[in-house]
PDB file of all heavy atoms in Angstrom:
ATOM      1  N   VAL A   1      10.378 -36.431   2.651  1.00  0.00           N
ATOM      2  CA  VAL A   1      11.208 -35.622   3.556  1.00  0.00           C
ATOM      3  C   VAL A   1      12.080 -34.662   2.754  1.00  0.00           C
ATOM      4  O   VAL A   1      12.205 -33.474   3.089  1.00  0.00           O
ATOM      5  CB  VAL A   1      12.075 -36.535   4.446  1.00  0.00           C
ATOM      6  CG1 VAL A   1      13.121 -35.720   5.202  1.00  0.00           C
ATOM      7  CG2 VAL A   1      11.197 -37.298   5.427  1.00  0.00           C
ATOM      8  N   PHE A   2      12.676 -35.157   1.687  1.00  0.00           N
ATOM      9  CA  PHE A   2      13.536 -34.341   0.843  1.00  0.00           C
ATOM     10  C   PHE A   2      12.740 -33.201   0.198  1.00  0.00           C
ATOM     11  O   PHE A   2      13.206 -32.061   0.122  1.00  0.00           O
ATOM     12  CB  PHE A   2      14.155 -35.233  -0.237  1.00  0.00           C
ATOM     13  CG  PHE A   2      15.164 -34.541  -1.105  1.00  0.00           C
ATOM     14  CD1 PHE A   2      16.419 -34.237  -0.623  1.00  0.00           C
ATOM     15  CD2 PHE A   2      14.857 -34.192  -2.408  1.00  0.00           C
ATOM     16  CE1 PHE A   2      17.353 -33.602  -1.430  1.00  0.00           C
ATOM     17  CE2 PHE A   2      15.778 -33.556  -3.217  1.00  0.00           C
ATOM     18  CZ  PHE A   2      17.037 -33.270  -2.727  1.00  0.00           C
ATOM     19  N   THR A   3      11.512 -33.494  -0.236  1.00  0.00           N
ATOM     20  CA  THR A   3      10.653 -32.478  -0.860  1.00  0.00           C
ATOM     21  C   THR A   3      10.265 -31.396   0.142  1.00  0.00           C
ATOM     22  O   THR A   3      10.300 -30.196  -0.161  1.00  0.00           O
ATOM     23  CB  THR A   3       9.392 -33.133  -1.443  1.00  0.00           C
ATOM     24  OG1 THR A   3       9.769 -34.146  -2.388  1.00  0.00           O
ATOM     25  CG2 THR A   3       8.508 -32.106  -2.131  1.00  0.00           C
ATOM     26  N   VAL A   4       9.887 -31.811   1.357  1.00  0.00           N
ATOM     27  CA  VAL A   4       9.515 -30.848   2.393  1.00  0.00           C
ATOM     28  C   VAL A   4      10.700 -29.953   2.741  1.00  0.00           C
ATOM     29  O   VAL A   4      10.555 -28.727   2.909  1.00  0.00           O
ATOM     30  CB  VAL A   4       8.995 -31.580   3.647  1.00  0.00           C
ATOM     31  CG1 VAL A   4       8.825 -30.603   4.812  1.00  0.00           C
ATOM     32  CG2 VAL A   4       7.674 -32.273   3.346  1.00  0.00           C
ATOM     33  N   PHE A   5      11.881 -30.530   2.836  1.00  0.00           N
ATOM     34  CA  PHE A   5      13.087 -29.755   3.127  1.00  0.00           C
ATOM     35  C   PHE A   5      13.342 -28.724   2.030  1.00  0.00           C
ATOM     36  O   PHE A   5      13.629 -27.555   2.309  1.00  0.00           O
ATOM     37  CB  PHE A   5      14.283 -30.699   3.266  1.00  0.00           C
ATOM     38  CG  PHE A   5      15.605 -29.991   3.380  1.00  0.00           C
ATOM     39  CD1 PHE A   5      15.927 -29.288   4.525  1.00  0.00           C
ATOM     40  CD2 PHE A   5      16.516 -30.026   2.337  1.00  0.00           C
ATOM     41  CE1 PHE A   5      17.148 -28.633   4.638  1.00  0.00           C
ATOM     42  CE2 PHE A   5      17.730 -29.375   2.439  1.00  0.00           C
ATOM     43  CZ  PHE A   5      18.051 -28.675   3.593  1.00  0.00           C
ATOM     44  N   CYS A   6      13.226 -29.143   0.762  1.00  0.00           N
ATOM     45  CA  CYS A   6      13.416 -28.219  -0.365  1.00  0.00           C
ATOM     46  C   CYS A   6      12.396 -27.090  -0.318  1.00  0.00           C
ATOM     47  O   CYS A   6      12.734 -25.917  -0.514  1.00  0.00           O
ATOM     48  CB  CYS A   6      13.279 -28.970  -1.693  1.00  0.00           C
ATOM     49  SG  CYS A   6      14.703 -29.966  -2.129  1.00  0.00           S
ATOM     50  N   HIS A   7      11.151 -27.440  -0.061  1.00  0.00           N
ATOM     51  CA  HIS A   7      10.080 -26.438  -0.086  1.00  0.00           C
ATOM     52  C   HIS A   7      10.219 -25.441   1.061  1.00  0.00           C
ATOM     53  O   HIS A   7       9.851 -24.270   0.917  1.00  0.00           O
ATOM     54  CB  HIS A   7       8.727 -27.139  -0.011  1.00  0.00           C
ATOM     55  CG  HIS A   7       7.584 -26.264  -0.413  1.00  0.00           C
ATOM     56  ND1 HIS A   7       7.435 -25.772  -1.685  1.00  0.00           N
ATOM     57  CD2 HIS A   7       6.548 -25.773   0.308  1.00  0.00           C
ATOM     58  CE1 HIS A   7       6.347 -25.021  -1.745  1.00  0.00           C
ATOM     59  NE2 HIS A   7       5.794 -25.009  -0.547  1.00  0.00           N
ATOM     60  N   ALA A   8      10.769 -25.897   2.186  1.00  0.00           N
ATOM     61  CA  ALA A   8      10.907 -25.010   3.350  1.00  0.00           C
ATOM     62  C   ALA A   8      12.088 -24.054   3.213  1.00  0.00           C
ATOM     63  O   ALA A   8      12.035 -22.938   3.728  1.00  0.00           O
ATOM     64  CB  ALA A   8      11.061 -25.849   4.623  1.00  0.00           C
ATOM     65  N   CYS A   9      13.125 -24.469   2.514  1.00  0.00           N
ATOM     66  CA  CYS A   9      14.368 -23.688   2.510  1.00  0.00           C
ATOM     67  C   CYS A   9      14.775 -23.130   1.148  1.00  0.00           C
ATOM     68  O   CYS A   9      15.683 -22.296   1.079  1.00  0.00           O
ATOM     69  CB  CYS A   9      15.518 -24.552   3.033  1.00  0.00           C
ATOM     70  SG  CYS A   9      15.267 -25.179   4.705  1.00  0.00           S
ATOM     71  N   TYR A  10      14.105 -23.583   0.082  1.00  0.00           N
ATOM     72  CA  TYR A  10      14.548 -23.175  -1.248  1.00  0.00           C
ATOM     73  C   TYR A  10      13.367 -22.669  -2.072  1.00  0.00           C
ATOM     74  O   TYR A  10      12.215 -23.022  -1.812  1.00  0.00           O
ATOM     75  CB  TYR A  10      15.228 -24.344  -1.981  1.00  0.00           C
ATOM     76  CG  TYR A  10      16.527 -24.766  -1.347  1.00  0.00           C
ATOM     77  CD1 TYR A  10      16.545 -25.686  -0.305  1.00  0.00           C
ATOM     78  CD2 TYR A  10      17.737 -24.240  -1.784  1.00  0.00           C
ATOM     79  CE1 TYR A  10      17.746 -26.072   0.295  1.00  0.00           C
ATOM     80  CE2 TYR A  10      18.938 -24.622  -1.189  1.00  0.00           C
ATOM     81  CZ  TYR A  10      18.933 -25.537  -0.160  1.00  0.00           C
ATOM     82  OH  TYR A  10      20.113 -25.913   0.427  1.00  0.00           O
ATOM     83  N   GLU A  11      13.687 -21.853  -3.082  1.00  0.00           N
ATOM     84  CA  GLU A  11      12.667 -21.270  -3.946  1.00  0.00           C
ATOM     85  C   GLU A  11      12.247 -22.268  -5.007  1.00  0.00           C
ATOM     86  O   GLU A  11      13.065 -23.016  -5.540  1.00  0.00           O
ATOM     87  CB  GLU A  11      13.231 -20.008  -4.618  1.00  0.00           C
ATOM     88  CG  GLU A  11      12.222 -19.213  -5.414  1.00  0.00           C
ATOM     89  CD  GLU A  11      12.847 -17.966  -6.011  1.00  0.00           C
ATOM     90  OE1 GLU A  11      13.826 -18.110  -6.773  1.00  0.00           O
ATOM     91  OE2 GLU A  11      12.369 -16.863  -5.706  1.00  0.00           O
ATOM     92  N   GLY A  12      10.959 -22.285  -5.349  1.00  0.00           N
ATOM     93  CA  GLY A  12      10.474 -23.170  -6.401  1.00  0.00           C
ATOM     94  C   GLY A  12       9.121 -23.764  -6.066  1.00  0.00           C
ATOM     95  O   GLY A  12       8.671 -23.739  -4.915  1.00  0.00           O
ATOM     96  N   LYS A  13       8.478 -24.297  -7.094  1.00  0.00           N
ATOM     97  CA  LYS A  13       7.187 -24.941  -6.917  1.00  0.00           C
ATOM     98  C   LYS A  13       7.384 -26.352  -6.384  1.00  0.00           C
ATOM     99  O   LYS A  13       8.390 -27.012  -6.651  1.00  0.00           O
ATOM    100  CB  LYS A  13       6.424 -24.987  -8.245  1.00  0.00           C
ATOM    101  CG  LYS A  13       6.187 -23.613  -8.870  1.00  0.00           C
ATOM    102  CD  LYS A  13       5.316 -22.749  -7.986  1.00  0.00           C
ATOM    103  CE  LYS A  13       5.043 -21.407  -8.638  1.00  0.00           C
ATOM    104  NZ  LYS A  13       4.211 -20.524  -7.796  1.00  0.00           N
ATOM    105  N   ILE A  14       6.396 -26.820  -5.630  1.00  0.00           N
ATOM    106  CA  ILE A  14       6.541 -28.111  -4.952  1.00  0.00           C
ATOM    107  C   ILE A  14       6.611 -29.280  -5.940  1.00  0.00           C
ATOM    108  O   ILE A  14       7.289 -30.280  -5.689  1.00  0.00           O
ATOM    109  CB  ILE A  14       5.389 -28.309  -3.930  1.00  0.00           C
ATOM    110  CG1 ILE A  14       5.740 -29.482  -2.983  1.00  0.00           C
ATOM    111  CG2 ILE A  14       4.061 -28.547  -4.644  1.00  0.00           C
ATOM    112  CD1 ILE A  14       4.897 -29.516  -1.737  1.00  0.00           C
ATOM    113  N   LEU A  15       5.939 -29.154  -7.106  1.00  0.00           N
ATOM    114  CA  LEU A  15       6.024 -30.223  -8.110  1.00  0.00           C
ATOM    115  C   LEU A  15       7.456 -30.364  -8.605  1.00  0.00           C
ATOM    116  O   LEU A  15       7.970 -31.478  -8.761  1.00  0.00           O
ATOM    117  CB  LEU A  15       5.086 -29.921  -9.288  1.00  0.00           C
ATOM    118  CG  LEU A  15       3.633 -30.394  -9.170  1.00  0.00           C
ATOM    119  CD1 LEU A  15       2.878 -30.059 -10.452  1.00  0.00           C
ATOM    120  CD2 LEU A  15       3.554 -31.885  -8.892  1.00  0.00           C
ATOM    121  N   THR A  16       8.107 -29.238  -8.892  1.00  0.00           N
ATOM    122  CA  THR A  16       9.492 -29.270  -9.356  1.00  0.00           C
ATOM    123  C   THR A  16      10.397 -29.855  -8.286  1.00  0.00           C
ATOM    124  O   THR A  16      11.293 -30.659  -8.576  1.00  0.00           O
ATOM    125  CB  THR A  16       9.951 -27.852  -9.713  1.00  0.00           C
ATOM    126  OG1 THR A  16       8.994 -27.251 -10.578  1.00  0.00           O
ATOM    127  CG2 THR A  16      11.301 -27.871 -10.397  1.00  0.00           C
ATOM    128  N   GLN A  17      10.174 -29.458  -7.051  1.00  0.00           N
ATOM    129  CA  GLN A  17      11.007 -29.965  -5.964  1.00  0.00           C
ATOM    130  C   GLN A  17      10.790 -31.454  -5.735  1.00  0.00           C
ATOM    131  O   GLN A  17      11.734 -32.190  -5.460  1.00  0.00           O
ATOM    132  CB  GLN A  17      10.715 -29.157  -4.701  1.00  0.00           C
ATOM    133  CG  GLN A  17      11.173 -27.712  -4.811  1.00  0.00           C
ATOM    134  CD  GLN A  17      10.643 -26.832  -3.703  1.00  0.00           C
ATOM    135  OE1 GLN A  17       9.635 -27.154  -3.076  1.00  0.00           O
ATOM    136  NE2 GLN A  17      11.297 -25.707  -3.453  1.00  0.00           N
ATOM    137  N   CYS A  18       9.554 -31.886  -5.877  1.00  0.00           N
ATOM    138  CA  CYS A  18       9.265 -33.324  -5.736  1.00  0.00           C
ATOM    139  C   CYS A  18       9.953 -34.122  -6.841  1.00  0.00           C
ATOM    140  O   CYS A  18      10.526 -35.196  -6.593  1.00  0.00           O
ATOM    141  CB  CYS A  18       7.757 -33.544  -5.760  1.00  0.00           C
ATOM    142  SG  CYS A  18       7.268 -35.273  -5.584  1.00  0.00           S
ATOM    143  N   LEU A  19       9.906 -33.597  -8.078  1.00  0.00           N
ATOM    144  CA  LEU A  19      10.561 -34.288  -9.195  1.00  0.00           C
ATOM    145  C   LEU A  19      12.064 -34.373  -8.968  1.00  0.00           C
ATOM    146  O   LEU A  19      12.678 -35.428  -9.195  1.00  0.00           O
ATOM    147  CB  LEU A  19      10.255 -33.547 -10.496  1.00  0.00           C
ATOM    148  CG  LEU A  19      10.818 -34.162 -11.778  1.00  0.00           C
ATOM    149  CD1 LEU A  19      10.247 -35.553 -11.992  1.00  0.00           C
ATOM    150  CD2 LEU A  19      10.524 -33.275 -12.978  1.00  0.00           C
ATOM    151  N   CYS A  20      12.663 -33.292  -8.516  1.00  0.00           N
ATOM    152  CA  CYS A  20      14.098 -33.314  -8.236  1.00  0.00           C
ATOM    153  C   CYS A  20      14.428 -34.254  -7.079  1.00  0.00           C
ATOM    154  O   CYS A  20      15.500 -34.876  -7.059  1.00  0.00           O
ATOM    155  CB  CYS A  20      14.579 -31.903  -7.921  1.00  0.00           C
ATOM    156  SG  CYS A  20      14.580 -30.811  -9.357  1.00  0.00           S
ATOM    157  N   ALA A  21      13.511 -34.357  -6.108  1.00  0.00           N
ATOM    158  CA  ALA A  21      13.715 -35.306  -5.006  1.00  0.00           C
ATOM    159  C   ALA A  21      13.734 -36.739  -5.524  1.00  0.00           C
ATOM    160  O   ALA A  21      14.554 -37.559  -5.096  1.00  0.00           O
ATOM    161  CB  ALA A  21      12.609 -35.128  -3.962  1.00  0.00           C
ATOM    162  N   VAL A  22      12.839 -37.044  -6.461  1.00  0.00           N
ATOM    163  CA  VAL A  22      12.804 -38.387  -7.054  1.00  0.00           C
ATOM    164  C   VAL A  22      14.102 -38.655  -7.816  1.00  0.00           C
ATOM    165  O   VAL A  22      14.725 -39.722  -7.675  1.00  0.00           O
ATOM    166  CB  VAL A  22      11.579 -38.542  -7.983  1.00  0.00           C
ATOM    167  CG1 VAL A  22      11.637 -39.875  -8.724  1.00  0.00           C
ATOM    168  CG2 VAL A  22      10.288 -38.435  -7.184  1.00  0.00           C
ATOM    169  N   PHE A  23      14.522 -37.688  -8.657  1.00  0.00           N
ATOM    170  CA  PHE A  23      15.772 -37.854  -9.406  1.00  0.00           C
ATOM    171  C   PHE A  23      16.948 -38.042  -8.452  1.00  0.00           C
ATOM    172  O   PHE A  23      17.806 -38.914  -8.678  1.00  0.00           O
ATOM    173  CB  PHE A  23      16.013 -36.623 -10.285  1.00  0.00           C
ATOM    174  CG  PHE A  23      15.398 -36.723 -11.650  1.00  0.00           C
ATOM    175  CD1 PHE A  23      14.384 -35.860 -12.030  1.00  0.00           C
ATOM    176  CD2 PHE A  23      15.836 -37.670 -12.558  1.00  0.00           C
ATOM    177  CE1 PHE A  23      13.815 -35.946 -13.288  1.00  0.00           C
ATOM    178  CE2 PHE A  23      15.277 -37.765 -13.821  1.00  0.00           C
ATOM    179  CZ  PHE A  23      14.256 -36.900 -14.190  1.00  0.00           C
ATOM    180  N   SER A  24      17.010 -37.224  -7.413  1.00  0.00           N
ATOM    181  CA  SER A  24      18.129 -37.310  -6.470  1.00  0.00           C
ATOM    182  C   SER A  24      18.151 -38.664  -5.771  1.00  0.00           C
ATOM    183  O   SER A  24      19.223 -39.269  -5.599  1.00  0.00           O
ATOM    184  CB  SER A  24      18.031 -36.185  -5.439  1.00  0.00           C
ATOM    185  OG  SER A  24      18.081 -34.925  -6.068  1.00  0.00           O
ATOM    186  N   TYR A  25      16.968 -39.141  -5.366  1.00  0.00           N
ATOM    187  CA  TYR A  25      16.914 -40.441  -4.691  1.00  0.00           C
ATOM    188  C   TYR A  25      17.368 -41.556  -5.627  1.00  0.00           C
ATOM    189  O   TYR A  25      18.142 -42.443  -5.227  1.00  0.00           O
ATOM    190  CB  TYR A  25      15.500 -40.720  -4.193  1.00  0.00           C
ATOM    191  CG  TYR A  25      15.366 -42.078  -3.521  1.00  0.00           C
ATOM    192  CD1 TYR A  25      15.791 -42.265  -2.217  1.00  0.00           C
ATOM    193  CD2 TYR A  25      14.853 -43.170  -4.218  1.00  0.00           C
ATOM    194  CE1 TYR A  25      15.705 -43.510  -1.607  1.00  0.00           C
ATOM    195  CE2 TYR A  25      14.761 -44.418  -3.614  1.00  0.00           C
ATOM    196  CZ  TYR A  25      15.191 -44.584  -2.310  1.00  0.00           C
ATOM    197  OH  TYR A  25      15.106 -45.818  -1.714  1.00  0.00           O
ATOM    198  N   VAL A  26      16.917 -41.513  -6.878  1.00  0.00           N
ATOM    199  CA  VAL A  26      17.296 -42.564  -7.839  1.00  0.00           C
ATOM    200  C   VAL A  26      18.795 -42.514  -8.112  1.00  0.00           C
ATOM    201  O   VAL A  26      19.463 -43.564  -8.189  1.00  0.00           O
ATOM    202  CB  VAL A  26      16.485 -42.407  -9.146  1.00  0.00           C
ATOM    203  CG1 VAL A  26      17.019 -43.339 -10.224  1.00  0.00           C
ATOM    204  CG2 VAL A  26      15.020 -42.689  -8.895  1.00  0.00           C
ATOM    205  N   ILE A  27      19.357 -41.310  -8.258  1.00  0.00           N
ATOM    206  CA  ILE A  27      20.803 -41.185  -8.491  1.00  0.00           C
ATOM    207  C   ILE A  27      21.585 -41.743  -7.305  1.00  0.00           C
ATOM    208  O   ILE A  27      22.555 -42.508  -7.479  1.00  0.00           O
ATOM    209  CB  ILE A  27      21.173 -39.709  -8.740  1.00  0.00           C
ATOM    210  CG1 ILE A  27      20.633 -39.250 -10.097  1.00  0.00           C
ATOM    211  CG2 ILE A  27      22.687 -39.505  -8.686  1.00  0.00           C
ATOM    212  CD1 ILE A  27      20.768 -37.766 -10.340  1.00  0.00           C
ATOM    213  N   MET A  28      21.158 -41.390  -6.102  1.00  0.00           N
ATOM    214  CA  MET A  28      21.863 -41.876  -4.913  1.00  0.00           C
ATOM    215  C   MET A  28      21.702 -43.381  -4.752  1.00  0.00           C
ATOM    216  O   MET A  28      22.653 -44.083  -4.373  1.00  0.00           O
ATOM    217  CB  MET A  28      21.353 -41.148  -3.673  1.00  0.00           C
ATOM    218  CG  MET A  28      21.697 -39.656  -3.675  1.00  0.00           C
ATOM    219  SD  MET A  28      20.951 -38.724  -2.313  1.00  0.00           S
ATOM    220  CE  MET A  28      21.832 -39.419  -0.923  1.00  0.00           C
ATOM    221  N   LEU A  29      20.512 -43.904  -5.058  1.00  0.00           N
ATOM    222  CA  LEU A  29      20.301 -45.352  -4.961  1.00  0.00           C
ATOM    223  C   LEU A  29      21.137 -46.095  -5.997  1.00  0.00           C
ATOM    224  O   LEU A  29      21.722 -47.150  -5.702  1.00  0.00           O
ATOM    225  CB  LEU A  29      18.813 -45.666  -5.151  1.00  0.00           C
ATOM    226  CG  LEU A  29      18.425 -47.143  -5.040  1.00  0.00           C
ATOM    227  CD1 LEU A  29      18.718 -47.672  -3.637  1.00  0.00           C
ATOM    228  CD2 LEU A  29      16.935 -47.349  -5.367  1.00  0.00           C
ATOM    229  N   ALA A  30      21.219 -45.543  -7.217  1.00  0.00           N
ATOM    230  CA  ALA A  30      22.029 -46.180  -8.255  1.00  0.00           C
ATOM    231  C   ALA A  30      23.509 -46.154  -7.892  1.00  0.00           C
ATOM    232  O   ALA A  30      24.239 -47.135  -8.108  1.00  0.00           O
ATOM    233  CB  ALA A  30      21.789 -45.484  -9.598  1.00  0.00           C
ATOM    234  N   LEU A  31      23.966 -45.030  -7.334  1.00  0.00           N
ATOM    235  CA  LEU A  31      25.363 -44.956  -6.883  1.00  0.00           C
ATOM    236  C   LEU A  31      25.620 -45.939  -5.748  1.00  0.00           C
ATOM    237  O   LEU A  31      26.669 -46.599  -5.701  1.00  0.00           O
ATOM    238  CB  LEU A  31      25.681 -43.531  -6.420  1.00  0.00           C
ATOM    239  CG  LEU A  31      25.872 -42.482  -7.513  1.00  0.00           C
ATOM    240  CD1 LEU A  31      25.945 -41.090  -6.902  1.00  0.00           C
ATOM    241  CD2 LEU A  31      27.146 -42.768  -8.315  1.00  0.00           C
ATOM    242  N   ASP A  32      24.664 -46.029  -4.838  1.00  0.00           N
ATOM    243  CA  ASP A  32      24.782 -46.973  -3.723  1.00  0.00           C
ATOM    244  C   ASP A  32      24.891 -48.408  -4.253  1.00  0.00           C
ATOM    245  O   ASP A  32      25.735 -49.195  -3.812  1.00  0.00           O
ATOM    246  CB  ASP A  32      23.569 -46.823  -2.816  1.00  0.00           C
ATOM    247  CG  ASP A  32      23.668 -47.701  -1.569  1.00  0.00           C
ATOM    248  OD1 ASP A  32      24.786 -47.889  -1.072  1.00  0.00           O
ATOM    249  OD2 ASP A  32      22.627 -48.211  -1.121  1.00  0.00           O
ATOM    250  N   THR A  33      24.035 -48.731  -5.219  1.00  0.00           N
ATOM    251  CA  THR A  33      24.038 -50.088  -5.796  1.00  0.00           C
ATOM    252  C   THR A  33      25.343 -50.363  -6.526  1.00  0.00           C
ATOM    253  O   THR A  33      25.948 -51.449  -6.364  1.00  0.00           O
ATOM    254  CB  THR A  33      22.853 -50.245  -6.766  1.00  0.00           C
ATOM    255  OG1 THR A  33      21.638 -49.942  -6.064  1.00  0.00           O
ATOM    256  CG2 THR A  33      22.780 -51.653  -7.319  1.00  0.00           C
ATOM    257  N   ALA A  34      25.818 -49.404  -7.329  1.00  0.00           N
ATOM    258  CA  ALA A  34      27.076 -49.601  -8.052  1.00  0.00           C
ATOM    259  C   ALA A  34      28.247 -49.767  -7.089  1.00  0.00           C
ATOM    260  O   ALA A  34      29.136 -50.608  -7.307  1.00  0.00           O
ATOM    261  CB  ALA A  34      27.317 -48.409  -8.989  1.00  0.00           C
ATOM    262  N   ALA A  35      28.267 -48.979  -5.998  1.00  0.00           N
ATOM    263  CA  ALA A  35      29.347 -49.090  -5.013  1.00  0.00           C
ATOM    264  C   ALA A  35      29.317 -50.456  -4.321  1.00  0.00           C
ATOM    265  O   ALA A  35      30.378 -51.057  -4.071  1.00  0.00           O
ATOM    266  CB  ALA A  35      29.219 -47.965  -3.993  1.00  0.00           C
ATOM    267  N   ILE A  36      28.104 -50.950  -4.008  1.00  0.00           N
ATOM    268  CA  ILE A  36      27.984 -52.272  -3.384  1.00  0.00           C
ATOM    269  C   ILE A  36      28.477 -53.351  -4.332  1.00  0.00           C
ATOM    270  O   ILE A  36      29.191 -54.282  -3.934  1.00  0.00           O
ATOM    271  CB  ILE A  36      26.528 -52.529  -2.956  1.00  0.00           C
ATOM    272  CG1 ILE A  36      26.148 -51.589  -1.800  1.00  0.00           C
ATOM    273  CG2 ILE A  36      26.333 -53.985  -2.542  1.00  0.00           C
ATOM    274  CD1 ILE A  36      24.688 -51.639  -1.436  1.00  0.00           C
ATOM    275  N   PHE A  37      28.112 -53.233  -5.622  1.00  0.00           N
ATOM    276  CA  PHE A  37      28.582 -54.206  -6.614  1.00  0.00           C
ATOM    277  C   PHE A  37      30.111 -54.210  -6.689  1.00  0.00           C
ATOM    278  O   PHE A  37      30.748 -55.276  -6.724  1.00  0.00           O
ATOM    279  CB  PHE A  37      28.000 -53.885  -7.993  1.00  0.00           C
ATOM    280  CG  PHE A  37      26.532 -54.182  -8.123  1.00  0.00           C
ATOM    281  CD1 PHE A  37      25.820 -53.751  -9.230  1.00  0.00           C
ATOM    282  CD2 PHE A  37      25.864 -54.901  -7.150  1.00  0.00           C
ATOM    283  CE1 PHE A  37      24.466 -54.038  -9.369  1.00  0.00           C
ATOM    284  CE2 PHE A  37      24.510 -55.180  -7.265  1.00  0.00           C
ATOM    285  CZ  PHE A  37      23.816 -54.746  -8.379  1.00  0.00           C
ATOM    286  N   LEU A  38      30.708 -53.017  -6.702  1.00  0.00           N
ATOM    287  CA  LEU A  38      32.171 -52.924  -6.765  1.00  0.00           C
ATOM    288  C   LEU A  38      32.808 -53.503  -5.501  1.00  0.00           C
ATOM    289  O   LEU A  38      33.852 -54.183  -5.564  1.00  0.00           O
ATOM    290  CB  LEU A  38      32.588 -51.460  -6.941  1.00  0.00           C
ATOM    291  CG  LEU A  38      32.295 -50.828  -8.304  1.00  0.00           C
ATOM    292  CD1 LEU A  38      32.562 -49.331  -8.261  1.00  0.00           C
ATOM    293  CD2 LEU A  38      33.153 -51.478  -9.384  1.00  0.00           C
ATOM    294  N   PHE A  39      32.192 -53.268  -4.345  1.00  0.00           N
ATOM    295  CA  PHE A  39      32.723 -53.792  -3.089  1.00  0.00           C
ATOM    296  C   PHE A  39      32.644 -55.322  -3.067  1.00  0.00           C
ATOM    297  O   PHE A  39      33.578 -55.985  -2.582  1.00  0.00           O
ATOM    298  CB  PHE A  39      31.935 -53.207  -1.923  1.00  0.00           C
ATOM    299  CG  PHE A  39      32.541 -53.482  -0.583  1.00  0.00           C
ATOM    300  CD1 PHE A  39      33.602 -52.721  -0.108  1.00  0.00           C
ATOM    301  CD2 PHE A  39      32.063 -54.521   0.219  1.00  0.00           C
ATOM    302  CE1 PHE A  39      34.161 -52.979   1.145  1.00  0.00           C
ATOM    303  CE2 PHE A  39      32.627 -54.778   1.450  1.00  0.00           C
ATOM    304  CZ  PHE A  39      33.682 -54.018   1.924  1.00  0.00           C
ATOM    305  N   CYS A  40      31.550 -55.867  -3.596  1.00  0.00           N
ATOM    306  CA  CYS A  40      31.412 -57.331  -3.666  1.00  0.00           C
ATOM    307  C   CYS A  40      32.521 -57.933  -4.525  1.00  0.00           C
ATOM    308  O   CYS A  40      33.114 -58.971  -4.181  1.00  0.00           O
ATOM    309  CB  CYS A  40      30.051 -57.706  -4.232  1.00  0.00           C
ATOM    310  SG  CYS A  40      28.663 -57.378  -3.126  1.00  0.00           S
TER     311      CYS A  40
END
């Protein structure tokens, strides 16, 4: 979903956008996990 959104609204090749989508998801998941650990 993130890749399709990038490709529809932003300039760039789909491979680059897919890679950035993966990085963004991992960063957000890691932040989510760290925040949950701190809340616990």
